[in-house]
Amino acid sequence: MQFRLKGASGAITGQTFPLDDDTPIGSGEQASVQLDGLLEQHARLVFDGEVLMLEAADQAWVNGEPVNRQALKSGDEIRLGEHRFVLQAPGLRPPSVLRDVQPRRSRAWIGWLVGAGIAGAAAAAVWWYLNSGAPPA
């Protein structure tokens, strides 16, 4: 996986932290991303092959909104405690793009119908004018 967190505040500014399919974040020794001031297991990032999910045991924010569980996309700002990161995940599509959505049926035929109606009305007006009994010029 080619995803990583890039530090965006304090002592971690500019540092990058590569992510695995399951990346624990916290102050404990088992955390892949070890940060002071967090719970031993503060949060984890889990990638299931399609969606990267933030699962937080304590306070977390994504793009300024408090979350406990949140699907992520490239460029999201993640704040855990006093630490801020930017998610760098090239090629990771947002979850909304991954949903199965029925394509909307095209309504281009409405434009053709309106155009045909206008053309028919114009032809009828010309025929009426030419056949209304007016003397030829």
C-alpha atoms as a PDB file:
ATOM      1  CA  MET A   1       0.000   0.000   0.000  1.00  0.00           C
ATOM      2  CA  GLN A   2       1.371   3.424  -0.872  1.00  0.00           C
ATOM      3  CA  PHE A   3      -0.600   5.523   1.634  1.00  0.00           C
ATOM      4  CA  ARG A   4       1.027   7.683   4.286  1.00  0.00           C
ATOM      5  CA  LEU A   5       0.324  10.328   6.857  1.00  0.00           C
ATOM      6  CA  LYS A   6       2.291  13.557   6.615  1.00  0.00           C
ATOM      7  CA  GLY A   7       2.729  15.521   9.827  1.00  0.00           C
ATOM      8  CA  ALA A   8       1.195  18.995   9.622  1.00  0.00           C
ATOM      9  CA  SER A   9       1.754  20.437  13.113  1.00  0.00           C
ATOM     10  CA  GLY A  10       4.209  20.651  15.980  1.00  0.00           C
ATOM     11  CA  ALA A  11       7.263  18.403  16.230  1.00  0.00           C
ATOM     12  CA  ILE A  12       5.972  16.036  13.529  1.00  0.00           C
ATOM     13  CA  THR A  13       5.628  18.702  10.820  1.00  0.00           C
ATOM     14  CA  GLY A  14       6.981  17.336   7.554  1.00  0.00           C
ATOM     15  CA  GLN A  15       7.520  13.792   8.888  1.00  0.00           C
ATOM     16  CA  THR A  16       5.872  11.001   6.935  1.00  0.00           C
ATOM     17  CA  PHE A  17       4.447   7.808   8.387  1.00  0.00           C
ATOM     18  CA  PRO A  18       3.855   4.948   5.905  1.00  0.00           C
ATOM     19  CA  LEU A  19       0.610   3.005   6.434  1.00  0.00           C
ATOM     20  CA  ASP A  20      -0.014  -0.731   6.347  1.00  0.00           C
ATOM     21  CA  ASP A  21      -3.346  -2.474   5.850  1.00  0.00           C
ATOM     22  CA  ASP A  22      -3.831  -2.142   9.614  1.00  0.00           C
ATOM     23  CA  THR A  23      -1.898   0.713  11.229  1.00  0.00           C
ATOM     24  CA  PRO A  24      -2.305   1.278  14.992  1.00  0.00           C
ATOM     25  CA  ILE A  25      -1.630   4.837  16.168  1.00  0.00           C
ATOM     26  CA  GLY A  26      -0.919   5.738  19.780  1.00  0.00           C
ATOM     27  CA  SER A  27       1.732   6.070  22.470  1.00  0.00           C
ATOM     28  CA  GLY A  28       2.170   2.340  23.099  1.00  0.00           C
ATOM     29  CA  GLU A  29       5.049   0.199  21.843  1.00  0.00           C
ATOM     30  CA  GLN A  30       2.750  -1.841  19.581  1.00  0.00           C
ATOM     31  CA  ALA A  31       1.662   1.307  17.680  1.00  0.00           C
ATOM     32  CA  SER A  32       3.089   1.585  14.165  1.00  0.00           C
ATOM     33  CA  VAL A  33       2.801   5.381  14.470  1.00  0.00           C
ATOM     34  CA  GLN A  34       4.010   6.276  17.976  1.00  0.00           C
ATOM     35  CA  LEU A  35       3.076   9.739  19.235  1.00  0.00           C
ATOM     36  CA  ASP A  36       3.402  11.282  22.682  1.00  0.00           C
ATOM     37  CA  GLY A  37       0.276  12.592  24.352  1.00  0.00           C
ATOM     38  CA  LEU A  38      -2.097   9.944  22.972  1.00  0.00           C
ATOM     39  CA  LEU A  39      -3.690   6.895  24.525  1.00  0.00           C
ATOM     40  CA  GLU A  40      -1.719   3.686  24.203  1.00  0.00           C
ATOM     41  CA  GLN A  41      -4.068   2.638  21.366  1.00  0.00           C
ATOM     42  CA  HIS A  42      -5.623   5.927  20.302  1.00  0.00           C
ATOM     43  CA  ALA A  43      -6.730   5.006  16.788  1.00  0.00           C
ATOM     44  CA  ARG A  44      -6.061   2.741  13.859  1.00  0.00           C
ATOM     45  CA  LEU A  45      -6.224   3.044  10.102  1.00  0.00           C
ATOM     46  CA  VAL A  46      -7.578  -0.055   8.361  1.00  0.00           C
ATOM     47  CA  PHE A  47      -7.529  -0.599   4.593  1.00  0.00           C
ATOM     48  CA  ASP A  48      -9.804  -3.348   3.216  1.00  0.00           C
ATOM     49  CA  GLY A  49      -8.628  -3.076  -0.389  1.00  0.00           C
ATOM     50  CA  GLU A  50     -11.173  -0.392  -1.319  1.00  0.00           C
ATOM     51  CA  VAL A  51     -11.795   1.891   1.665  1.00  0.00           C
ATOM     52  CA  LEU A  52      -9.337   3.339   4.189  1.00  0.00           C
ATOM     53  CA  MET A  53     -11.143   3.644   7.529  1.00  0.00           C
ATOM     54  CA  LEU A  54     -10.135   5.614  10.614  1.00  0.00           C
ATOM     55  CA  GLU A  55     -11.313   3.912  13.817  1.00  0.00           C
ATOM     56  CA  ALA A  56     -10.690   6.040  16.914  1.00  0.00           C
ATOM     57  CA  ALA A  57     -10.830   4.917  20.548  1.00  0.00           C
ATOM     58  CA  ASP A  58     -10.526   8.533  21.707  1.00  0.00           C
ATOM     59  CA  GLN A  59     -11.055  11.989  20.247  1.00  0.00           C
ATOM     60  CA  ALA A  60     -10.324  12.273  16.545  1.00  0.00           C
ATOM     61  CA  TRP A  61     -11.271  14.807  13.884  1.00  0.00           C
ATOM     62  CA  VAL A  62     -11.375  14.525  10.114  1.00  0.00           C
ATOM     63  CA  ASN A  63     -11.500  17.811   8.229  1.00  0.00           C
ATOM     64  CA  GLY A  64     -12.507  19.593  11.451  1.00  0.00           C
ATOM     65  CA  GLU A  65     -15.421  17.263  12.302  1.00  0.00           C
ATOM     66  CA  PRO A  66     -15.303  14.967  15.357  1.00  0.00           C
ATOM     67  CA  VAL A  67     -15.455  11.265  14.391  1.00  0.00           C
ATOM     68  CA  ASN A  68     -15.155   7.809  15.900  1.00  0.00           C
ATOM     69  CA  ARG A  69     -15.223   5.916  12.615  1.00  0.00           C
ATOM     70  CA  GLN A  70     -14.738   7.587   9.247  1.00  0.00           C
ATOM     71  CA  ALA A  71     -13.931   6.541   5.684  1.00  0.00           C
ATOM     72  CA  LEU A  72     -11.030   8.615   4.371  1.00  0.00           C
ATOM     73  CA  LYS A  73      -9.886  10.019   1.044  1.00  0.00           C
ATOM     74  CA  SER A  74      -6.635  11.497  -0.146  1.00  0.00           C
ATOM     75  CA  GLY A  75      -6.056  15.003   1.214  1.00  0.00           C
ATOM     76  CA  ASP A  76      -8.154  14.576   4.373  1.00  0.00           C
ATOM     77  CA  GLU A  77      -6.823  16.366   7.444  1.00  0.00           C
ATOM     78  CA  ILE A  78      -6.740  14.089  10.475  1.00  0.00           C
ATOM     79  CA  ARG A  79      -6.252  15.355  14.022  1.00  0.00           C
ATOM     80  CA  LEU A  80      -5.497  13.004  16.870  1.00  0.00           C
ATOM     81  CA  GLY A  81      -5.027  14.849  20.153  1.00  0.00           C
ATOM     82  CA  GLU A  82      -2.696  17.751  19.357  1.00  0.00           C
ATOM     83  CA  HIS A  83      -1.214  16.021  16.294  1.00  0.00           C
ATOM     84  CA  ARG A  84      -2.403  16.952  12.805  1.00  0.00           C
ATOM     85  CA  PHE A  85      -1.765  15.013   9.608  1.00  0.00           C
ATOM     86  CA  VAL A  86      -2.657  15.143   5.956  1.00  0.00           C
ATOM     87  CA  LEU A  87      -3.502  11.812   4.361  1.00  0.00           C
ATOM     88  CA  GLN A  88      -1.508  11.205   1.194  1.00  0.00           C
ATOM     89  CA  ALA A  89      -3.255   8.399  -0.651  1.00  0.00           C
ATOM     90  CA  PRO A  90      -2.804   8.702  -4.412  1.00  0.00           C
ATOM     91  CA  GLY A  91      -5.395   6.684  -6.279  1.00  0.00           C
ATOM     92  CA  LEU A  92      -7.688   6.197  -3.273  1.00  0.00           C
ATOM     93  CA  ARG A  93     -11.157   7.041  -4.449  1.00  0.00           C
ATOM     94  CA  PRO A  94     -13.670   8.484  -2.001  1.00  0.00           C
ATOM     95  CA  PRO A  95     -16.244   5.988  -0.725  1.00  0.00           C
ATOM     96  CA  SER A  96     -19.046   7.812  -2.566  1.00  0.00           C
ATOM     97  CA  VAL A  97     -17.353   6.927  -5.871  1.00  0.00           C
ATOM     98  CA  LEU A  98     -17.247   3.260  -4.905  1.00  0.00           C
ATOM     99  CA  ARG A  99     -20.995   2.835  -4.321  1.00  0.00           C
ATOM    100  CA  ASP A 100     -23.063   0.982  -6.871  1.00  0.00           C
ATOM    101  CA  VAL A 101     -25.278   3.697  -8.300  1.00  0.00           C
ATOM    102  CA  GLN A 102     -27.758   3.170 -11.082  1.00  0.00           C
ATOM    103  CA  PRO A 103     -26.852   5.523 -13.941  1.00  0.00           C
ATOM    104  CA  ARG A 104     -29.424   8.218 -14.613  1.00  0.00           C
ATOM    105  CA  ARG A 105     -31.297   7.727 -17.800  1.00  0.00           C
ATOM    106  CA  SER A 106     -30.606  10.368 -20.369  1.00  0.00           C
ATOM    107  CA  ARG A 107     -33.379  12.850 -21.047  1.00  0.00           C
ATOM    108  CA  ALA A 108     -31.946  14.090 -24.330  1.00  0.00           C
ATOM    109  CA  TRP A 109     -35.128  12.941 -26.066  1.00  0.00           C
ATOM    110  CA  ILE A 110     -36.998  15.835 -24.397  1.00  0.00           C
ATOM    111  CA  GLY A 111     -34.942  18.353 -26.380  1.00  0.00           C
ATOM    112  CA  TRP A 112     -35.670  16.499 -29.610  1.00  0.00           C
ATOM    113  CA  LEU A 113     -39.394  16.400 -28.774  1.00  0.00           C
ATOM    114  CA  VAL A 114     -39.527  20.160 -28.099  1.00  0.00           C
ATOM    115  CA  GLY A 115     -37.594  20.883 -31.302  1.00  0.00           C
ATOM    116  CA  ALA A 116     -39.925  18.674 -33.350  1.00  0.00           C
ATOM    117  CA  GLY A 117     -42.954  20.425 -31.830  1.00  0.00           C
ATOM    118  CA  ILE A 118     -41.594  23.878 -32.733  1.00  0.00           C
ATOM    119  CA  ALA A 119     -40.740  22.751 -36.279  1.00  0.00           C
ATOM    120  CA  GLY A 120     -44.229  21.250 -36.701  1.00  0.00           C
ATOM    121  CA  ALA A 121     -45.906  24.443 -35.459  1.00  0.00           C
ATOM    122  CA  ALA A 122     -43.792  26.549 -37.833  1.00  0.00           C
ATOM    123  CA  ALA A 123     -44.685  24.284 -40.778  1.00  0.00           C
ATOM    124  CA  ALA A 124     -48.409  24.472 -39.889  1.00  0.00           C
ATOM    125  CA  ALA A 125     -48.239  28.291 -39.657  1.00  0.00           C
ATOM    126  CA  VAL A 126     -46.573  28.526 -43.082  1.00  0.00           C
ATOM    127  CA  TRP A 127     -49.139  26.151 -44.609  1.00  0.00           C
ATOM    128  CA  TRP A 128     -52.045  28.125 -43.049  1.00  0.00           C
ATOM    129  CA  TYR A 129     -50.597  31.419 -44.303  1.00  0.00           C
ATOM    130  CA  LEU A 130     -50.124  30.087 -47.845  1.00  0.00           C
ATOM    131  CA  ASN A 131     -53.565  28.449 -47.969  1.00  0.00           C
ATOM    132  CA  SER A 132     -55.659  31.085 -46.149  1.00  0.00           C
ATOM    133  CA  GLY A 133     -57.053  32.551 -49.320  1.00  0.00           C
ATOM    134  CA  ALA A 134     -54.878  35.621 -49.424  1.00  0.00           C
ATOM    135  CA  PRO A 135     -54.389  36.914 -52.983  1.00  0.00           C
ATOM    136  CA  PRO A 136     -51.003  36.094 -54.411  1.00  0.00           C
ATOM    137  CA  ALA A 137     -48.604  38.984 -54.537  1.00  0.00           C
END
